[in-house]
Amino acid sequence: MKAFREVSLRILAAGVVVLMGAIVLQVVCSALDINPLASFQADIPLLGKAITLNSLLDFQWHILVIIGLVPAGLVWLQGTHVRVDFLYNPMTPQWKARIDLAGNLLFAVPFFFFMLPASTKFMLRAWTSDEASRNGGLNDLWLIKSILPVGLFLLALAVLVESLRLIRTVR
């Protein structure tokens, strides 16, 4: 598991570097009034017929969604998500487990109950309509919109695993 975590974190770190590169490229090209950056004779999947400043902006959002949502389950399982530590840290492990379990049941379960079906419907609507950017950005927006239900499912799975662990701790 540790090797998987290390590889995952390195890939995500590379994603951050790619994101920063795309931002710098967009700023430089915008300042130099270079648009489009490249044109193609035929439609290329995801890119369409050109790479434009809007394509770079869409790409930045795509990378941000991937590096922000996909590892959320891993962050949850490691217990490195945001907490009110000055209240939480002095508590006994038993009380910490009770609070975490209550939080999972009161907040996470209802959130996933509504968000998983909604995000799946959101992605399917984009997929069936072959949604593309309206402003000359990237094509195939269903591809990035599919990350939403996948990331939420992985996070829900992490919450389920942690909740089962917490139930054993509370007993």
N, C-alpha and C. Protein backbone atom coordinates (compact mmCIF):
# COMPACT_ATOMS: atom_id res chain seq x y z
N MET A 1 0.83 -1.20 0.00
CA MET A 1 0.00 0.00 0.00
C MET A 1 0.87 1.26 0.00
N LYS A 2 2.00 1.19 0.73
CA LYS A 2 2.87 2.35 0.82
C LYS A 2 3.48 2.67 -0.55
N ALA A 3 3.84 1.64 -1.32
CA ALA A 3 4.40 1.87 -2.66
C ALA A 3 3.36 2.50 -3.57
N PHE A 4 2.12 2.05 -3.48
CA PHE A 4 1.03 2.63 -4.29
C PHE A 4 0.83 4.09 -3.93
N ARG A 5 0.87 4.38 -2.64
CA ARG A 5 0.68 5.76 -2.17
C ARG A 5 1.81 6.65 -2.69
N GLU A 6 3.04 6.15 -2.63
CA GLU A 6 4.18 6.94 -3.09
C GLU A 6 4.09 7.21 -4.60
N VAL A 7 3.75 6.19 -5.38
CA VAL A 7 3.62 6.37 -6.83
C VAL A 7 2.48 7.34 -7.13
N SER A 8 1.37 7.19 -6.42
CA SER A 8 0.22 8.09 -6.63
C SER A 8 0.59 9.54 -6.33
N LEU A 9 1.29 9.74 -5.23
CA LEU A 9 1.68 11.10 -4.86
C LEU A 9 2.66 11.69 -5.87
N ARG A 10 3.54 10.89 -6.41
CA ARG A 10 4.48 11.39 -7.44
C ARG A 10 3.74 11.76 -8.72
N ILE A 11 2.76 10.96 -9.10
CA ILE A 11 1.97 11.28 -10.30
C ILE A 11 1.20 12.57 -10.08
N LEU A 12 0.60 12.71 -8.90
CA LEU A 12 -0.14 13.94 -8.59
C LEU A 12 0.78 15.15 -8.51
N ALA A 13 1.99 14.96 -8.00
CA ALA A 13 2.96 16.06 -7.97
C ALA A 13 3.33 16.46 -9.39
N ALA A 14 3.48 15.48 -10.27
CA ALA A 14 3.76 15.79 -11.68
C ALA A 14 2.58 16.55 -12.28
N GLY A 15 1.37 16.20 -11.86
CA GLY A 15 0.19 16.93 -12.32
C GLY A 15 0.22 18.39 -11.91
N VAL A 16 0.71 18.66 -10.71
CA VAL A 16 0.84 20.05 -10.25
C VAL A 16 1.85 20.79 -11.12
N VAL A 17 2.95 20.15 -11.46
CA VAL A 17 3.97 20.77 -12.32
C VAL A 17 3.38 21.04 -13.71
N VAL A 18 2.62 20.08 -14.25
CA VAL A 18 1.97 20.27 -15.55
C VAL A 18 0.98 21.43 -15.48
N LEU A 19 0.23 21.50 -14.39
CA LEU A 19 -0.72 22.60 -14.20
C LEU A 19 0.00 23.95 -14.19
N MET A 20 1.10 24.04 -13.45
CA MET A 20 1.85 25.29 -13.41
C MET A 20 2.40 25.64 -14.79
N GLY A 21 2.88 24.64 -15.52
CA GLY A 21 3.38 24.89 -16.87
C GLY A 21 2.30 25.41 -17.80
N ALA A 22 1.10 24.83 -17.70
CA ALA A 22 -0.02 25.29 -18.53
C ALA A 22 -0.40 26.73 -18.19
N ILE A 23 -0.36 27.07 -16.92
CA ILE A 23 -0.68 28.44 -16.50
C ILE A 23 0.35 29.42 -17.06
N VAL A 24 1.62 29.08 -16.91
CA VAL A 24 2.69 29.96 -17.43
C VAL A 24 2.57 30.10 -18.95
N LEU A 25 2.35 28.99 -19.65
CA LEU A 25 2.20 29.03 -21.10
C LEU A 25 1.03 29.91 -21.51
N GLN A 26 -0.08 29.79 -20.81
CA GLN A 26 -1.25 30.61 -21.14
C GLN A 26 -0.96 32.09 -20.90
N VAL A 27 -0.31 32.43 -19.80
CA VAL A 27 0.00 33.83 -19.50
C VAL A 27 0.95 34.40 -20.55
N VAL A 28 1.99 33.65 -20.91
CA VAL A 28 2.96 34.12 -21.90
C VAL A 28 2.30 34.30 -23.26
N CYS A 29 1.54 33.29 -23.70
CA CYS A 29 0.88 33.38 -25.00
C CYS A 29 -0.15 34.51 -25.03
N SER A 30 -0.83 34.72 -23.92
CA SER A 30 -1.79 35.82 -23.86
C SER A 30 -1.07 37.16 -23.94
N ALA A 31 0.04 37.30 -23.24
CA ALA A 31 0.80 38.55 -23.26
C ALA A 31 1.38 38.83 -24.65
N LEU A 32 1.75 37.77 -25.35
CA LEU A 32 2.31 37.92 -26.70
C LEU A 32 1.23 37.89 -27.78
N ASP A 33 -0.03 37.77 -27.36
CA ASP A 33 -1.17 37.72 -28.28
C ASP A 33 -1.04 36.58 -29.30
N ILE A 34 -0.66 35.40 -28.80
CA ILE A 34 -0.54 34.21 -29.63
C ILE A 34 -1.77 33.34 -29.40
N ASN A 35 -2.61 33.24 -30.42
CA ASN A 35 -3.81 32.41 -30.34
C ASN A 35 -4.30 32.16 -31.75
N PRO A 36 -4.48 30.97 -32.21
CA PRO A 36 -4.26 29.68 -31.55
C PRO A 36 -2.78 29.33 -31.47
N LEU A 37 -2.47 28.39 -30.60
CA LEU A 37 -1.09 27.95 -30.45
C LEU A 37 -0.72 26.91 -31.50
N ALA A 38 -1.69 26.09 -31.89
CA ALA A 38 -1.49 25.07 -32.92
C ALA A 38 -2.84 24.80 -33.58
N SER A 39 -2.79 24.49 -34.88
CA SER A 39 -4.00 24.13 -35.64
C SER A 39 -3.78 22.79 -36.32
N PHE A 40 -4.88 22.05 -36.50
CA PHE A 40 -4.80 20.72 -37.10
C PHE A 40 -5.79 20.63 -38.26
N GLN A 41 -5.49 19.78 -39.22
CA GLN A 41 -6.39 19.59 -40.36
C GLN A 41 -7.65 18.82 -39.95
N ALA A 42 -7.46 17.82 -39.12
CA ALA A 42 -8.59 16.97 -38.70
C ALA A 42 -8.83 17.15 -37.21
N ASP A 43 -10.03 16.76 -36.80
CA ASP A 43 -10.37 16.79 -35.38
C ASP A 43 -9.52 15.78 -34.61
N ILE A 44 -8.89 16.22 -33.54
CA ILE A 44 -8.13 15.35 -32.65
C ILE A 44 -8.96 15.19 -31.38
N PRO A 45 -9.10 13.94 -30.90
CA PRO A 45 -9.88 13.75 -29.68
C PRO A 45 -9.41 14.67 -28.56
N LEU A 46 -10.34 15.24 -27.86
CA LEU A 46 -10.17 16.17 -26.76
C LEU A 46 -9.73 17.56 -27.22
N LEU A 47 -8.83 17.67 -28.20
CA LEU A 47 -8.32 18.97 -28.62
C LEU A 47 -9.16 19.65 -29.70
N GLY A 48 -9.82 18.88 -30.55
CA GLY A 48 -10.56 19.47 -31.66
C GLY A 48 -9.62 19.80 -32.80
N LYS A 49 -9.81 20.97 -33.43
CA LYS A 49 -8.99 21.35 -34.58
C LYS A 49 -7.89 22.34 -34.22
N ALA A 50 -7.81 22.74 -32.94
CA ALA A 50 -6.78 23.71 -32.56
C ALA A 50 -6.53 23.67 -31.06
N ILE A 51 -5.34 24.11 -30.69
CA ILE A 51 -5.03 24.37 -29.28
C ILE A 51 -5.05 25.88 -29.14
N THR A 52 -5.98 26.38 -28.33
CA THR A 52 -6.15 27.82 -28.16
C THR A 52 -5.91 28.20 -26.70
N LEU A 53 -5.97 29.50 -26.44
CA LEU A 53 -5.86 29.95 -25.05
C LEU A 53 -7.00 29.37 -24.21
N ASN A 54 -8.18 29.26 -24.81
CA ASN A 54 -9.31 28.66 -24.09
C ASN A 54 -9.07 27.17 -23.84
N SER A 55 -8.41 26.49 -24.77
CA SER A 55 -8.05 25.09 -24.55
C SER A 55 -7.13 24.95 -23.35
N LEU A 56 -6.16 25.86 -23.26
CA LEU A 56 -5.24 25.83 -22.11
C LEU A 56 -5.99 26.08 -20.80
N LEU A 57 -6.94 27.00 -20.82
CA LEU A 57 -7.73 27.28 -19.62
C LEU A 57 -8.55 26.05 -19.23
N ASP A 58 -9.21 25.41 -20.21
CA ASP A 58 -9.96 24.18 -19.94
C ASP A 58 -9.04 23.10 -19.40
N PHE A 59 -7.85 22.96 -19.99
CA PHE A 59 -6.88 21.96 -19.56
C PHE A 59 -6.49 22.18 -18.10
N GLN A 60 -6.32 23.44 -17.71
CA GLN A 60 -5.97 23.74 -16.32
C GLN A 60 -7.06 23.25 -15.37
N TRP A 61 -8.33 23.48 -15.74
CA TRP A 61 -9.43 23.01 -14.90
C TRP A 61 -9.47 21.49 -14.85
N HIS A 62 -9.18 20.85 -15.97
CA HIS A 62 -9.16 19.39 -16.01
C HIS A 62 -8.10 18.85 -15.04
N ILE A 63 -6.90 19.38 -15.13
CA ILE A 63 -5.81 18.91 -14.26
C ILE A 63 -6.13 19.22 -12.80
N LEU A 64 -6.67 20.39 -12.52
CA LEU A 64 -7.02 20.76 -11.16
C LEU A 64 -8.05 19.80 -10.56
N VAL A 65 -9.04 19.43 -11.33
CA VAL A 65 -10.05 18.47 -10.87
C VAL A 65 -9.41 17.12 -10.55
N ILE A 66 -8.52 16.68 -11.44
CA ILE A 66 -7.89 15.37 -11.24
C ILE A 66 -7.00 15.38 -10.00
N ILE A 67 -6.15 16.40 -9.85
CA ILE A 67 -5.24 16.39 -8.70
C ILE A 67 -5.94 16.77 -7.40
N GLY A 68 -7.14 17.32 -7.49
CA GLY A 68 -7.87 17.68 -6.28
C GLY A 68 -8.85 16.63 -5.81
N LEU A 69 -9.52 15.96 -6.74
CA LEU A 69 -10.60 15.04 -6.36
C LEU A 69 -10.15 13.59 -6.27
N VAL A 70 -9.33 13.15 -7.20
CA VAL A 70 -8.95 11.74 -7.21
C VAL A 70 -8.25 11.31 -5.92
N PRO A 71 -7.31 12.09 -5.38
CA PRO A 71 -6.64 11.64 -4.15
C PRO A 71 -7.42 11.90 -2.87
N ALA A 72 -8.63 12.44 -2.96
CA ALA A 72 -9.38 12.79 -1.74
C ALA A 72 -9.61 11.58 -0.85
N GLY A 73 -9.89 10.43 -1.44
CA GLY A 73 -10.09 9.21 -0.64
C GLY A 73 -8.83 8.80 0.11
N LEU A 74 -7.70 8.93 -0.56
CA LEU A 74 -6.42 8.61 0.08
C LEU A 74 -6.14 9.56 1.23
N VAL A 75 -6.42 10.83 1.02
CA VAL A 75 -6.24 11.83 2.08
C VAL A 75 -7.15 11.50 3.26
N TRP A 76 -8.39 11.10 2.97
CA TRP A 76 -9.34 10.74 4.03
C TRP A 76 -8.83 9.56 4.84
N LEU A 77 -8.36 8.52 4.14
CA LEU A 77 -7.88 7.32 4.83
C LEU A 77 -6.64 7.59 5.67
N GLN A 78 -5.81 8.53 5.25
CA GLN A 78 -4.61 8.86 6.02
C GLN A 78 -4.93 9.76 7.21
N GLY A 79 -6.16 10.29 7.25
CA GLY A 79 -6.54 11.17 8.35
C GLY A 79 -5.88 12.54 8.26
N THR A 80 -5.51 12.95 7.06
CA THR A 80 -4.84 14.24 6.90
C THR A 80 -5.78 15.31 6.37
N HIS A 81 -7.09 15.05 6.42
CA HIS A 81 -8.04 16.06 6.01
C HIS A 81 -8.19 17.11 7.13
N VAL A 82 -8.87 18.18 6.84
CA VAL A 82 -8.98 19.32 7.75
C VAL A 82 -9.81 18.95 8.98
N ARG A 83 -9.30 19.34 10.11
CA ARG A 83 -10.01 19.14 11.38
C ARG A 83 -9.80 20.39 12.24
N VAL A 84 -10.57 20.48 13.30
CA VAL A 84 -10.35 21.53 14.30
C VAL A 84 -9.45 20.89 15.36
N ASP A 85 -8.15 20.90 15.08
CA ASP A 85 -7.19 20.12 15.86
C ASP A 85 -7.09 20.52 17.33
N PHE A 86 -7.20 21.79 17.63
CA PHE A 86 -7.02 22.18 19.03
C PHE A 86 -8.13 21.62 19.92
N LEU A 87 -9.28 21.28 19.34
CA LEU A 87 -10.34 20.62 20.11
C LEU A 87 -10.22 19.10 20.04
N TYR A 88 -9.77 18.62 18.91
CA TYR A 88 -9.75 17.18 18.63
C TYR A 88 -8.55 16.47 19.26
N ASN A 89 -7.37 17.07 19.21
CA ASN A 89 -6.15 16.39 19.65
C ASN A 89 -6.13 15.97 21.11
N PRO A 90 -6.65 16.77 22.05
CA PRO A 90 -6.57 16.34 23.46
C PRO A 90 -7.50 15.17 23.81
N MET A 91 -8.41 14.81 22.90
CA MET A 91 -9.38 13.76 23.22
C MET A 91 -8.73 12.37 23.20
N THR A 92 -9.39 11.46 23.89
CA THR A 92 -8.92 10.07 23.88
C THR A 92 -9.23 9.45 22.52
N PRO A 93 -8.51 8.38 22.15
CA PRO A 93 -8.79 7.72 20.86
C PRO A 93 -10.25 7.26 20.73
N GLN A 94 -10.84 6.84 21.86
CA GLN A 94 -12.25 6.39 21.85
C GLN A 94 -13.17 7.54 21.45
N TRP A 95 -12.95 8.72 22.02
CA TRP A 95 -13.80 9.88 21.70
C TRP A 95 -13.54 10.38 20.28
N LYS A 96 -12.29 10.34 19.86
CA LYS A 96 -11.98 10.72 18.49
C LYS A 96 -12.72 9.83 17.50
N ALA A 97 -12.74 8.53 17.78
CA ALA A 97 -13.44 7.59 16.90
C ALA A 97 -14.94 7.87 16.89
N ARG A 98 -15.51 8.18 18.04
CA ARG A 98 -16.94 8.50 18.11
C ARG A 98 -17.28 9.75 17.29
N ILE A 99 -16.45 10.78 17.44
CA ILE A 99 -16.69 12.02 16.70
C ILE A 99 -16.54 11.80 15.20
N ASP A 100 -15.50 11.06 14.82
CA ASP A 100 -15.29 10.77 13.39
C ASP A 100 -16.44 9.96 12.82
N LEU A 101 -16.88 8.96 13.54
CA LEU A 101 -17.99 8.13 13.08
C LEU A 101 -19.28 8.95 12.97
N ALA A 102 -19.55 9.77 13.97
CA ALA A 102 -20.74 10.63 13.92
C ALA A 102 -20.66 11.58 12.72
N GLY A 103 -19.50 12.15 12.48
CA GLY A 103 -19.32 13.03 11.33
C GLY A 103 -19.55 12.31 10.02
N ASN A 104 -19.01 11.09 9.92
CA ASN A 104 -19.22 10.30 8.70
C ASN A 104 -20.70 10.02 8.48
N LEU A 105 -21.40 9.62 9.54
CA LEU A 105 -22.81 9.25 9.40
C LEU A 105 -23.71 10.47 9.20
N LEU A 106 -23.43 11.56 9.88
CA LEU A 106 -24.30 12.74 9.80
C LEU A 106 -24.04 13.60 8.56
N PHE A 107 -22.80 13.63 8.10
CA PHE A 107 -22.46 14.54 7.01
C PHE A 107 -22.06 13.82 5.72
N ALA A 108 -21.15 12.86 5.81
CA ALA A 108 -20.64 12.22 4.60
C ALA A 108 -21.69 11.33 3.92
N VAL A 109 -22.40 10.51 4.70
CA VAL A 109 -23.38 9.60 4.09
C VAL A 109 -24.48 10.37 3.35
N PRO A 110 -25.11 11.38 3.95
CA PRO A 110 -26.12 12.13 3.18
C PRO A 110 -25.52 12.84 1.96
N PHE A 111 -24.31 13.36 2.09
CA PHE A 111 -23.65 14.02 0.97
C PHE A 111 -23.50 13.05 -0.21
N PHE A 112 -22.98 11.87 0.07
CA PHE A 112 -22.79 10.89 -1.01
C PHE A 112 -24.12 10.35 -1.53
N PHE A 113 -25.11 10.26 -0.66
CA PHE A 113 -26.44 9.80 -1.08
C PHE A 113 -27.00 10.69 -2.19
N PHE A 114 -26.78 11.98 -2.07
CA PHE A 114 -27.29 12.91 -3.09
C PHE A 114 -26.29 13.14 -4.22
N MET A 115 -25.01 13.22 -3.90
CA MET A 115 -24.02 13.61 -4.91
C MET A 115 -23.65 12.51 -5.89
N LEU A 116 -23.59 11.26 -5.46
CA LEU A 116 -23.21 10.20 -6.39
C LEU A 116 -24.21 10.06 -7.54
N PRO A 117 -25.52 9.98 -7.27
CA PRO A 117 -26.46 9.91 -8.40
C PRO A 117 -26.46 11.20 -9.24
N ALA A 118 -26.36 12.35 -8.60
CA ALA A 118 -26.37 13.61 -9.34
C ALA A 118 -25.14 13.74 -10.23
N SER A 119 -23.97 13.37 -9.72
CA SER A 119 -22.75 13.48 -10.51
C SER A 119 -22.74 12.48 -11.66
N THR A 120 -23.31 11.31 -11.43
CA THR A 120 -23.41 10.31 -12.51
C THR A 120 -24.34 10.82 -13.60
N LYS A 121 -25.47 11.39 -13.21
CA LYS A 121 -26.41 11.96 -14.18
C LYS A 121 -25.75 13.11 -14.96
N PHE A 122 -25.00 13.95 -14.27
CA PHE A 122 -24.28 15.06 -14.86
C PHE A 122 -23.30 14.56 -15.92
N MET A 123 -22.54 13.51 -15.59
CA MET A 123 -21.57 12.94 -16.52
C MET A 123 -22.28 12.28 -17.69
N LEU A 124 -23.33 11.52 -17.44
CA LEU A 124 -24.04 10.84 -18.52
C LEU A 124 -24.68 11.82 -19.50
N ARG A 125 -25.20 12.93 -18.99
CA ARG A 125 -25.77 13.94 -19.87
C ARG A 125 -24.69 14.53 -20.79
N ALA A 126 -23.51 14.76 -20.25
CA ALA A 126 -22.40 15.28 -21.06
C ALA A 126 -21.95 14.23 -22.08
N TRP A 127 -21.94 12.97 -21.68
CA TRP A 127 -21.50 11.89 -22.56
C TRP A 127 -22.49 11.67 -23.70
N THR A 128 -23.78 11.61 -23.38
CA THR A 128 -24.77 11.35 -24.43
C THR A 128 -24.90 12.51 -25.41
N SER A 129 -24.63 13.72 -24.96
CA SER A 129 -24.72 14.88 -25.87
C SER A 129 -23.37 15.18 -26.53
N ASP A 130 -22.32 14.39 -26.19
CA ASP A 130 -20.97 14.62 -26.72
C ASP A 130 -20.56 16.07 -26.48
N GLU A 131 -20.74 16.52 -25.25
CA GLU A 131 -20.52 17.92 -24.88
C GLU A 131 -19.09 18.37 -25.15
N ALA A 132 -18.98 19.53 -25.72
CA ALA A 132 -17.68 20.17 -25.97
C ALA A 132 -17.76 21.61 -25.47
N SER A 133 -16.62 22.23 -25.37
CA SER A 133 -16.56 23.62 -24.93
C SER A 133 -17.25 24.52 -25.95
N ARG A 134 -18.00 25.47 -25.45
CA ARG A 134 -18.70 26.41 -26.34
C ARG A 134 -17.81 27.57 -26.75
N ASN A 135 -16.67 27.71 -26.08
CA ASN A 135 -15.84 28.89 -26.32
C ASN A 135 -14.50 28.56 -26.97
N GLY A 136 -14.44 27.49 -27.75
CA GLY A 136 -13.21 27.15 -28.43
C GLY A 136 -12.19 26.44 -27.56
N GLY A 137 -12.66 25.87 -26.47
CA GLY A 137 -11.75 25.14 -25.58
C GLY A 137 -11.68 23.68 -25.99
N LEU A 138 -11.56 22.81 -25.01
CA LEU A 138 -11.39 21.39 -25.28
C LEU A 138 -12.72 20.73 -25.65
N ASN A 139 -12.62 19.70 -26.48
CA ASN A 139 -13.78 18.86 -26.80
C ASN A 139 -13.88 17.76 -25.75
N ASP A 140 -14.89 16.93 -25.87
CA ASP A 140 -15.06 15.74 -25.04
C ASP A 140 -15.06 16.07 -23.54
N LEU A 141 -15.91 17.02 -23.16
CA LEU A 141 -15.98 17.40 -21.75
C LEU A 141 -16.52 16.28 -20.86
N TRP A 142 -17.20 15.31 -21.47
CA TRP A 142 -17.68 14.17 -20.69
C TRP A 142 -16.52 13.44 -20.03
N LEU A 143 -15.34 13.52 -20.66
CA LEU A 143 -14.18 12.82 -20.12
C LEU A 143 -13.82 13.37 -18.75
N ILE A 144 -13.73 14.69 -18.62
CA ILE A 144 -13.38 15.26 -17.33
C ILE A 144 -14.57 15.19 -16.37
N LYS A 145 -15.77 15.28 -16.92
CA LYS A 145 -16.94 15.19 -16.04
C LYS A 145 -17.11 13.78 -15.48
N SER A 146 -16.50 12.79 -16.11
CA SER A 146 -16.55 11.43 -15.56
C SER A 146 -15.66 11.29 -14.34
N ILE A 147 -14.72 12.20 -14.17
CA ILE A 147 -13.86 12.17 -12.97
C ILE A 147 -14.68 12.47 -11.72
N LEU A 148 -15.74 13.27 -11.85
CA LEU A 148 -16.55 13.64 -10.69
C LEU A 148 -17.17 12.41 -10.02
N PRO A 149 -17.96 11.57 -10.73
CA PRO A 149 -18.51 10.41 -10.04
C PRO A 149 -17.44 9.39 -9.63
N VAL A 150 -16.38 9.26 -10.41
CA VAL A 150 -15.30 8.33 -10.05
C VAL A 150 -14.62 8.79 -8.77
N GLY A 151 -14.25 10.07 -8.71
CA GLY A 151 -13.60 10.61 -7.51
C GLY A 151 -14.50 10.54 -6.29
N LEU A 152 -15.79 10.87 -6.48
CA LEU A 152 -16.72 10.79 -5.35
C LEU A 152 -16.92 9.35 -4.89
N PHE A 153 -16.95 8.40 -5.84
CA PHE A 153 -17.08 7.00 -5.47
C PHE A 153 -15.87 6.54 -4.66
N LEU A 154 -14.67 6.92 -5.10
CA LEU A 154 -13.46 6.55 -4.37
C LEU A 154 -13.46 7.16 -2.97
N LEU A 155 -13.92 8.40 -2.87
CA LEU A 155 -14.01 9.05 -1.56
C LEU A 155 -15.05 8.35 -0.68
N ALA A 156 -16.20 8.00 -1.26
CA ALA A 156 -17.24 7.29 -0.50
C ALA A 156 -16.72 5.94 -0.02
N LEU A 157 -15.97 5.26 -0.86
CA LEU A 157 -15.38 3.98 -0.48
C LEU A 157 -14.41 4.16 0.69
N ALA A 158 -13.61 5.23 0.65
CA ALA A 158 -12.69 5.52 1.75
C ALA A 158 -13.45 5.81 3.04
N VAL A 159 -14.54 6.56 2.93
CA VAL A 159 -15.36 6.86 4.11
C VAL A 159 -15.98 5.58 4.67
N LEU A 160 -16.42 4.69 3.80
CA LEU A 160 -16.99 3.42 4.25
C LEU A 160 -15.94 2.58 4.99
N VAL A 161 -14.74 2.47 4.40
CA VAL A 161 -13.67 1.71 5.04
C VAL A 161 -13.33 2.31 6.40
N GLU A 162 -13.21 3.64 6.45
CA GLU A 162 -12.88 4.28 7.72
C GLU A 162 -14.02 4.10 8.73
N SER A 163 -15.26 4.19 8.28
CA SER A 163 -16.39 4.02 9.20
C SER A 163 -16.41 2.63 9.80
N LEU A 164 -16.12 1.62 9.00
CA LEU A 164 -16.06 0.25 9.54
C LEU A 164 -14.94 0.12 10.58
N ARG A 165 -13.81 0.75 10.31
CA ARG A 165 -12.70 0.75 11.26
C ARG A 165 -13.11 1.48 12.55
N LEU A 166 -13.83 2.59 12.40
CA LEU A 166 -14.26 3.37 13.57
C LEU A 166 -15.27 2.61 14.40
N ILE A 167 -16.16 1.85 13.76
CA ILE A 167 -17.13 1.05 14.51
C ILE A 167 -16.42 0.04 15.41
N ARG A 168 -15.35 -0.57 14.88
CA ARG A 168 -14.59 -1.51 15.71
C ARG A 168 -13.90 -0.80 16.86
N THR A 169 -13.42 0.41 16.62
CA THR A 169 -12.73 1.18 17.67
C THR A 169 -13.70 1.62 18.76
N VAL A 170 -14.90 2.02 18.38
CA VAL A 170 -15.89 2.51 19.34
C VAL A 170 -16.37 1.39 20.25
N ARG A 171 -16.44 0.18 19.75
CA ARG A 171 -16.95 -0.96 20.55
C ARG A 171 -16.12 -1.24 21.75
